[in-house]
């Protein structure tokens, strides 16, 4: 959408520039013809007529009138002689109209006194004037068409490259997920068989069962992410929007993730107002977004990191912020974090990243009409967070 918005802006700007240049060119063309050529036309073809104010437009009207009159004369040859009077009446009416338009009653001298040779020469001059007059518009239209084709070609090429990259990343992601599914499936299958065959010592059974639970939970998470991504990509998908208290919703998400934060050896700082901030949202989907951001901070930071969950109101805007004191994300990676199937560097993908979590979160936020973005130092300073935080994912409502 961003590329198309910029394309529209560039096209409008080019159109304005071309129209200005065409108008300037048209002014000089008309000035040249009216000042140098029209006096010659008046003296040769309209000597003795009171039409000193005849301009290029008048000559073109004469040309069109003569052209139509000639067509009528040609048609007259194929009409029965009994209705020739209709062609004569139309012929006379054309010259009468030209008389009224050009001479405005100043003179009764019409074109009927002009010989065939003079009419042909005048028609040639008028046709030439017409082409010269519209030439700037023709050149402008051709140039504008070329610009449009070039701009659209560039956008289409960019979209093709983006689609190819998306397909490449998707294939890589599917390969990773297939590997991630195969490994726990093999483990679960092996452990289950060992338990079934009775070869596991009694004191090791609980350990095997815990491993099976962890592996199946991981498989369920991967399949769930794929399902969610496919569902959100469906154009018919609609959110279940209802009134909700964003403070209570964020508080529930933070409480739900508290155990994960503690188990990772991290601190948590929750700063949520004891007020009612009403929003319209799909509570289930928005809760998953906030929880995803918190779990994302847990997964991709080291033990000892402090995670902050904040809700702040600024006028009519509400911001939900999940911040941490961990390492900042490289700019090259941060620019693509919300793209589907993007996992960033090897360290991030090795910690369970599929490249879908943040993409799904961004998609859900956009469907709500919200904005999800990442801010790091020094930009994070303007959000009035404690200075210890290095980065924050921010949902602006």
Protein backbone atom coordinates (compact mmCIF):
# COMPACT_ATOMS: atom_id res chain seq x y z
CA UNK A 1 0.00 0.00 0.00
CA UNK A 2 2.83 2.25 0.82
CA UNK A 3 4.38 1.83 -2.64
CA UNK A 4 1.05 2.57 -4.33
CA UNK A 5 0.47 5.68 -2.21
CA UNK A 6 3.91 7.00 -3.14
CA UNK A 7 3.19 6.11 -6.78
CA UNK A 8 -0.02 8.16 -6.74
CA UNK A 9 1.88 11.11 -5.28
CA UNK A 10 4.59 10.90 -7.94
CA UNK A 11 2.03 10.61 -10.76
CA UNK A 12 0.06 13.63 -9.55
CA UNK A 13 3.27 15.66 -9.23
CA UNK A 14 4.44 14.66 -12.71
CA UNK A 15 1.00 15.45 -14.16
CA UNK A 16 1.06 18.96 -12.66
CA UNK A 17 4.58 19.59 -13.99
CA UNK A 18 3.65 18.35 -17.47
CA UNK A 19 0.48 20.47 -17.56
CA UNK A 20 2.49 23.56 -16.60
CA UNK A 21 5.03 22.87 -19.35
CA UNK A 22 2.25 22.17 -21.89
CA UNK A 23 0.49 25.42 -20.95
CA UNK A 24 3.71 27.40 -21.39
CA UNK A 25 4.41 25.73 -24.75
CA UNK A 26 0.81 26.32 -25.88
CA UNK A 27 1.06 30.00 -24.95
CA UNK A 28 4.18 30.48 -27.08
CA UNK A 29 2.70 28.49 -29.99
CA UNK A 30 -0.49 30.56 -30.01
CA UNK A 31 1.43 33.81 -29.66
CA UNK A 32 3.68 32.90 -32.59
CA UNK A 33 0.77 31.94 -34.87
CA UNK A 34 -1.43 34.91 -33.98
CA UNK A 35 1.43 37.41 -34.28
CA UNK A 36 3.20 36.17 -37.44
CA UNK A 37 1.04 33.76 -39.44
CA UNK A 38 -2.51 35.00 -38.94
CA UNK A 39 -1.87 38.43 -40.55
CA UNK A 40 -0.69 36.57 -43.66
CA UNK A 41 -3.81 34.35 -43.65
CA UNK A 42 -6.12 37.35 -43.31
CA UNK A 43 -4.41 39.25 -46.11
CA UNK A 44 -4.42 36.27 -48.53
CA UNK A 45 -7.77 34.63 -47.89
CA UNK A 46 -9.91 37.34 -46.28
CA UNK A 47 -8.85 40.54 -48.01
CA UNK A 48 -11.54 43.20 -47.73
CA UNK A 49 -13.45 41.39 -45.01
CA UNK A 50 -14.11 42.99 -41.64
CA UNK A 51 -12.53 40.18 -39.62
CA UNK A 52 -9.40 41.79 -38.23
CA UNK A 53 -9.89 39.85 -34.98
CA UNK A 54 -9.80 36.45 -36.70
CA UNK A 55 -7.60 34.09 -34.66
CA UNK A 56 -6.38 30.51 -34.98
CA UNK A 57 -9.60 29.20 -33.50
CA UNK A 58 -11.59 30.93 -36.23
CA UNK A 59 -9.49 29.37 -38.98
CA UNK A 60 -10.01 25.94 -37.44
CA UNK A 61 -13.78 26.56 -37.39
CA UNK A 62 -13.57 27.48 -41.08
CA UNK A 63 -11.58 24.31 -41.78
CA UNK A 64 -14.16 22.13 -40.03
CA UNK A 65 -16.96 23.95 -41.86
CA UNK A 66 -15.32 23.42 -45.24
CA UNK A 67 -14.62 19.78 -44.42
CA UNK A 68 -18.24 19.14 -43.47
CA UNK A 69 -19.46 21.03 -46.54
CA UNK A 70 -17.27 18.87 -48.81
CA UNK A 71 -18.61 15.73 -47.15
CA UNK A 72 -22.16 16.93 -47.76
CA UNK A 73 -21.35 17.58 -51.43
CA UNK A 74 -19.95 14.05 -51.74
CA UNK A 75 -23.03 12.57 -50.13
CA UNK A 76 -25.18 14.63 -52.52
CA UNK A 77 -23.87 12.55 -55.44
CA UNK A 78 -25.39 9.35 -54.02
CA UNK A 79 -28.73 10.94 -53.01
CA UNK A 80 -31.74 11.01 -55.31
CA UNK A 81 -32.09 14.33 -57.15
CA UNK A 82 -35.47 14.82 -55.50
CA UNK A 83 -33.86 15.40 -52.07
CA UNK A 84 -30.83 17.44 -53.17
CA UNK A 85 -32.55 20.42 -51.62
CA UNK A 86 -31.78 18.91 -48.17
CA UNK A 87 -28.04 18.85 -48.92
CA UNK A 88 -28.25 22.41 -50.31
CA UNK A 89 -30.02 23.57 -47.15
CA UNK A 90 -27.38 21.92 -44.92
CA UNK A 91 -24.61 23.40 -47.07
CA UNK A 92 -26.10 26.89 -46.78
CA UNK A 93 -26.62 26.48 -43.04
CA UNK A 94 -22.96 25.63 -42.48
CA UNK A 95 -21.78 28.80 -44.19
CA UNK A 96 -24.41 30.82 -42.35
CA UNK A 97 -23.15 29.44 -39.03
CA UNK A 98 -19.55 30.27 -39.93
CA UNK A 99 -20.70 33.77 -40.90
CA UNK A 100 -22.35 34.25 -37.51
CA UNK A 101 -19.45 32.79 -35.51
CA UNK A 102 -16.62 34.55 -37.31
CA UNK A 103 -18.02 37.84 -38.53
CA UNK A 104 -20.62 38.51 -35.82
CA UNK A 105 -22.73 40.42 -38.32
CA UNK A 106 -20.01 42.92 -39.21
CA UNK A 107 -19.85 41.83 -42.82
CA UNK A 108 -22.10 39.96 -45.24
CA UNK A 109 -19.21 38.57 -47.22
CA UNK A 110 -19.25 34.78 -46.79
CA UNK A 111 -17.05 31.92 -47.88
CA UNK A 112 -19.25 31.15 -50.85
CA UNK A 113 -17.29 33.68 -52.88
CA UNK A 114 -14.04 31.85 -52.29
CA UNK A 115 -12.80 29.61 -55.08
CA UNK A 116 -12.15 25.89 -54.73
CA UNK A 117 -8.38 26.38 -54.86
CA UNK A 118 -8.53 28.97 -52.07
CA UNK A 119 -10.76 26.67 -49.97
CA UNK A 120 -8.33 23.77 -50.37
CA UNK A 121 -5.33 25.96 -49.46
CA UNK A 122 -7.20 27.40 -46.47
CA UNK A 123 -8.13 23.88 -45.35
CA UNK A 124 -4.48 22.82 -45.57
CA UNK A 125 -3.42 25.85 -43.50
CA UNK A 126 -6.21 25.21 -40.96
CA UNK A 127 -5.28 21.53 -40.67
CA UNK A 128 -1.66 22.55 -40.10
CA UNK A 129 -2.71 25.07 -37.45
CA UNK A 130 -4.82 22.43 -35.74
CA UNK A 131 -1.89 20.00 -35.58
CA UNK A 132 0.48 22.70 -34.34
CA UNK A 133 -2.01 23.84 -31.69
CA UNK A 134 -2.54 20.34 -30.30
CA UNK A 135 1.13 19.31 -30.69
CA UNK A 136 2.11 20.35 -27.12
CA UNK A 137 -0.81 18.30 -25.79
CA UNK A 138 0.19 15.30 -27.92
CA UNK A 139 3.80 15.50 -26.75
CA UNK A 140 2.66 16.01 -23.14
CA UNK A 141 0.29 13.03 -23.35
CA UNK A 142 2.96 10.77 -24.87
CA UNK A 143 5.52 11.81 -22.26
CA UNK A 144 3.00 11.37 -19.44
CA UNK A 145 2.10 7.92 -20.78
CA UNK A 146 5.77 7.00 -20.85
CA UNK A 147 6.19 8.24 -17.28
CA UNK A 148 3.14 6.25 -16.13
CA UNK A 149 4.35 3.08 -17.81
CA UNK A 150 7.80 3.52 -16.28
CA UNK A 151 6.43 4.18 -12.79
CA UNK A 152 4.02 1.25 -12.95
CA UNK A 153 6.77 -0.94 -14.33
CA UNK A 154 9.01 -0.02 -11.40
CA UNK A 155 6.25 -0.72 -8.89
CA UNK A 156 5.37 -4.03 -10.55
CA UNK A 157 9.03 -5.03 -10.57
CA UNK A 158 9.31 -4.14 -6.88
CA UNK A 159 6.16 -6.13 -6.11
CA UNK A 160 7.45 -9.11 -8.10
CA UNK A 161 10.74 -8.98 -6.23
CA UNK A 162 8.88 -8.69 -2.94
CA UNK A 163 6.64 -11.63 -3.86
CA UNK A 164 9.64 -13.72 -4.90
CA UNK A 165 11.34 -12.89 -1.60
CA UNK A 166 8.14 -13.70 0.30
CA UNK A 167 7.87 -17.06 -1.45
CA UNK A 168 11.54 -17.76 -0.76
CA UNK A 169 11.14 -16.89 2.92
CA UNK A 170 7.92 -18.92 3.11
CA UNK A 171 9.65 -21.96 1.63
CA UNK A 172 12.51 -21.57 4.09
CA UNK A 173 10.03 -21.20 6.94
CA UNK A 174 8.07 -24.27 5.83
CA UNK A 175 11.32 -26.21 5.67
CA UNK A 176 12.20 -25.04 9.19
CA UNK A 177 8.73 -25.88 10.49
CA UNK A 178 8.86 -29.30 8.84
CA UNK A 179 12.20 -29.86 10.58
CA UNK A 180 10.85 -28.49 13.87
CA UNK A 181 7.84 -30.82 13.62
CA UNK A 182 9.86 -33.87 12.58
CA UNK A 183 12.25 -33.57 15.54
CA UNK A 184 9.64 -33.53 18.32
CA UNK A 185 7.52 -36.11 16.49
CA UNK A 186 10.52 -38.45 16.39
CA UNK A 187 11.18 -37.76 20.06
CA UNK A 188 7.54 -38.29 21.05
CA UNK A 189 7.34 -41.46 18.99
CA UNK A 190 10.57 -42.84 20.50
CA UNK A 191 9.66 -41.96 24.08
CA UNK A 192 6.13 -43.33 23.69
CA UNK A 193 7.45 -46.60 22.30
CA UNK A 194 9.98 -46.83 25.12
CA UNK A 195 7.23 -46.31 27.68
CA UNK A 196 4.96 -48.78 25.89
CA UNK A 197 7.68 -51.44 25.76
CA UNK A 198 8.35 -50.99 29.48
CA UNK A 199 12.07 -50.32 29.03
CA UNK A 200 12.03 -46.96 30.87
CA UNK A 201 13.08 -47.12 34.51
CA UNK A 202 10.42 -46.09 36.97
CA UNK A 203 12.37 -43.05 38.14
CA UNK A 204 12.70 -41.84 34.50
CA UNK A 205 9.05 -42.15 33.45
CA UNK A 206 8.07 -38.69 34.65
CA UNK A 207 11.01 -37.19 32.77
CA UNK A 208 9.93 -38.96 29.58
CA UNK A 209 6.33 -37.85 30.04
CA UNK A 210 7.44 -34.25 30.60
CA UNK A 211 9.51 -34.37 27.40
CA UNK A 212 6.48 -35.70 25.50
CA UNK A 213 4.31 -32.89 26.90
CA UNK A 214 6.87 -30.22 25.91
CA UNK A 215 7.33 -31.59 22.41
CA UNK A 216 3.61 -31.88 21.73
CA UNK A 217 3.08 -28.35 23.05
CA UNK A 218 5.71 -27.09 20.61
CA UNK A 219 4.04 -28.93 17.72
CA UNK A 220 0.67 -27.52 18.71
CA UNK A 221 2.15 -24.01 18.76
CA UNK A 222 3.65 -24.36 15.28
CA UNK A 223 0.43 -25.72 13.80
CA UNK A 224 -1.55 -22.99 15.55
CA UNK A 225 0.65 -20.27 14.06
CA UNK A 226 0.21 -21.66 10.57
CA UNK A 227 -3.56 -21.87 11.08
CA UNK A 228 -3.75 -18.30 12.41
CA UNK A 229 -1.67 -16.93 9.55
CA UNK A 230 -3.81 -18.69 6.94
CA UNK A 231 -7.01 -17.51 8.63
CA UNK A 232 -5.91 -13.86 8.78
CA UNK A 233 -4.85 -13.93 5.12
CA UNK A 234 -8.42 -14.81 4.16
CA UNK A 235 -10.18 -11.67 2.91
CA UNK A 236 -13.50 -12.86 4.38
CA UNK A 237 -12.13 -12.97 7.92
CA UNK A 238 -13.86 -10.53 10.28
CA UNK A 239 -12.99 -9.50 13.82
CA UNK A 240 -15.53 -9.83 16.62
CA UNK A 241 -15.38 -6.19 17.74
CA UNK A 242 -16.89 -5.34 21.12
CA UNK A 243 -16.41 -2.81 23.92
CA UNK A 244 -13.48 -3.68 26.17
CA UNK A 245 -11.31 -2.20 28.89
CA UNK A 246 -7.78 -2.16 27.49
CA UNK A 247 -6.23 -1.75 30.97
CA UNK A 248 -7.90 -4.90 32.26
CA UNK A 249 -7.08 -6.79 29.06
CA UNK A 250 -3.36 -5.94 29.26
CA UNK A 251 -3.34 -6.73 32.97
CA UNK A 252 -4.71 -10.22 32.23
CA UNK A 253 -2.09 -10.80 29.52
CA UNK A 254 0.76 -9.74 31.82
CA UNK A 255 -0.54 -11.98 34.60
CA UNK A 256 -0.80 -14.91 32.20
CA UNK A 257 2.82 -14.49 31.10
CA UNK A 258 4.20 -13.88 34.60
CA UNK A 259 5.29 -17.48 35.13
CA UNK A 260 7.16 -17.55 31.79
CA UNK A 261 8.98 -14.35 32.72
CA UNK A 262 10.03 -15.71 36.11
CA UNK A 263 11.09 -19.08 34.69
CA UNK A 264 13.35 -17.22 32.21
CA UNK A 265 15.09 -15.47 35.12
CA UNK A 266 13.78 -12.04 34.16
CA UNK A 267 12.23 -9.17 36.06
CA UNK A 268 8.87 -7.67 35.20
CA UNK A 269 7.64 -4.10 35.63
CA UNK A 270 3.88 -3.65 35.14
CA UNK A 271 2.56 -0.09 35.01
CA UNK A 272 -1.14 -0.08 34.09
CA UNK A 273 -3.58 2.63 35.31
CA UNK A 274 -6.40 1.62 37.61
CA UNK A 275 -8.84 3.26 35.22
CA UNK A 276 -11.34 2.23 32.57
CA UNK A 277 -10.00 2.90 29.06
CA UNK A 278 -12.73 1.82 26.69
CA UNK A 279 -11.86 0.52 23.23
CA UNK A 280 -13.56 -1.58 20.56
CA UNK A 281 -11.62 -4.74 19.95
CA UNK A 282 -11.71 -8.47 19.40
CA UNK A 283 -10.57 -9.36 22.90
CA UNK A 284 -9.36 -12.85 21.99
CA UNK A 285 -7.23 -11.67 19.06
CA UNK A 286 -5.87 -8.55 20.76
CA UNK A 287 -4.99 -10.57 23.88
CA UNK A 288 -2.98 -12.93 21.70
CA UNK A 289 -1.11 -9.98 20.19
CA UNK A 290 -0.13 -8.56 23.59
CA UNK A 291 0.78 -11.98 24.97
CA UNK A 292 2.83 -12.68 21.84
CA UNK A 293 4.80 -9.46 22.35
CA UNK A 294 5.55 -10.37 25.97
CA UNK A 295 6.58 -13.95 25.12
CA UNK A 296 8.64 -12.61 22.20
CA UNK A 297 10.57 -10.42 24.68
CA UNK A 298 11.11 -13.44 26.94
CA UNK A 299 12.36 -15.68 24.14
CA UNK A 300 14.75 -13.26 22.51
CA UNK A 301 16.46 -11.73 25.53
CA UNK A 302 18.93 -13.10 28.05
CA UNK A 303 18.28 -13.93 31.69
CA UNK A 304 18.36 -10.86 33.92
CA UNK A 305 16.57 -8.72 31.34
CA UNK A 306 13.82 -6.49 32.69
CA UNK A 307 10.51 -6.53 30.83
CA UNK A 308 8.07 -3.66 31.20
CA UNK A 309 4.37 -3.67 30.31
CA UNK A 310 2.81 -0.21 30.14
CA UNK A 311 -0.50 1.40 29.21
CA UNK A 312 -0.39 5.17 28.69
CA UNK A 313 -3.00 7.64 27.53
CA UNK A 314 -2.09 10.75 25.55
CA UNK A 315 -5.22 12.75 24.73
CA UNK A 316 -7.38 10.54 22.53
CA UNK A 317 -4.58 8.04 21.89
CA UNK A 318 -3.86 5.00 23.99
CA UNK A 319 -0.53 3.20 23.81
CA UNK A 320 0.20 -0.34 24.95
CA UNK A 321 3.97 -0.82 25.27
CA UNK A 322 5.99 -3.97 25.88
CA UNK A 323 9.55 -2.80 26.58
CA UNK A 324 12.75 -4.54 27.67
CA UNK A 325 16.31 -3.74 28.67
CA UNK A 326 17.88 -6.33 26.35
CA UNK A 327 20.09 -5.86 23.33
CA UNK A 328 18.80 -3.68 20.54
CA UNK A 329 17.83 -5.29 17.23
CA UNK A 330 19.97 -4.50 14.20
CA UNK A 331 18.39 -1.96 11.90
CA UNK A 332 18.51 -4.31 8.91
CA UNK A 333 16.55 -6.91 10.86
CA UNK A 334 14.14 -4.46 12.53
CA UNK A 335 12.99 -3.16 9.13
CA UNK A 336 11.64 -6.63 8.25
CA UNK A 337 10.45 -7.92 11.63
CA UNK A 338 6.74 -7.65 10.77
CA UNK A 339 7.09 -9.36 7.41
CA UNK A 340 5.76 -12.93 7.25
CA UNK A 341 8.31 -15.76 7.43
CA UNK A 342 11.13 -13.40 8.42
CA UNK A 343 13.18 -14.80 11.29
CA UNK A 344 16.12 -12.42 11.21
CA UNK A 345 19.48 -13.79 12.28
CA UNK A 346 20.28 -17.35 13.27
CA UNK A 347 20.16 -16.61 16.99
CA UNK A 348 16.56 -15.45 16.79
CA UNK A 349 15.38 -18.40 14.69
CA UNK A 350 17.21 -20.83 16.94
CA UNK A 351 15.13 -19.63 19.89
CA UNK A 352 11.89 -20.83 18.39
CA UNK A 353 11.16 -18.12 15.88
CA UNK A 354 9.07 -19.03 12.85
CA UNK A 355 8.80 -15.57 11.36
CA UNK A 356 5.02 -15.63 11.82
CA UNK A 357 4.41 -14.39 15.36
CA UNK A 358 5.12 -10.71 14.81
CA UNK A 359 3.59 -10.82 11.34
CA UNK A 360 0.34 -12.16 12.82
CA UNK A 361 0.46 -9.54 15.58
CA UNK A 362 0.91 -6.74 13.03
CA UNK A 363 -1.91 -8.13 10.88
CA UNK A 364 -4.33 -8.27 13.81
CA UNK A 365 -3.40 -4.73 14.87
CA UNK A 366 -4.00 -3.45 11.33
CA UNK A 367 -7.38 -5.20 11.16
CA UNK A 368 -8.35 -3.29 14.33
CA UNK A 369 -7.17 -0.03 12.78
CA UNK A 370 -4.28 0.13 15.25
CA UNK A 371 -0.56 0.54 14.57
CA UNK A 372 2.14 -1.81 15.82
CA UNK A 373 5.72 -0.61 15.61
CA UNK A 374 9.15 -1.16 17.15
CA UNK A 375 11.00 1.76 18.71
CA UNK A 376 14.58 1.63 20.01
CA UNK A 377 17.06 4.11 21.43
CA UNK A 378 17.16 7.03 20.92
CA UNK A 379 13.59 7.17 19.51
CA UNK A 380 12.17 5.37 22.55
CA UNK A 381 12.94 8.39 24.73
CA UNK A 382 9.94 10.38 23.51
CA UNK A 383 7.51 7.80 24.93
CA UNK A 384 8.38 8.72 28.54
CA UNK A 385 9.59 5.26 29.50
CA UNK A 386 12.27 4.77 32.16
CA UNK A 387 15.73 5.32 30.62
CA UNK A 388 16.85 1.76 31.34
CA UNK A 389 14.69 0.38 28.52
CA UNK A 390 16.40 -0.07 25.16
CA UNK A 391 13.46 -1.02 22.94
CA UNK A 392 9.70 -1.37 22.98
CA UNK A 393 6.94 -2.78 20.83
CA UNK A 394 4.17 -0.18 20.81
CA UNK A 395 0.51 -0.62 19.89
CA UNK A 396 -1.10 2.76 19.22
CA UNK A 397 -4.89 2.66 19.58
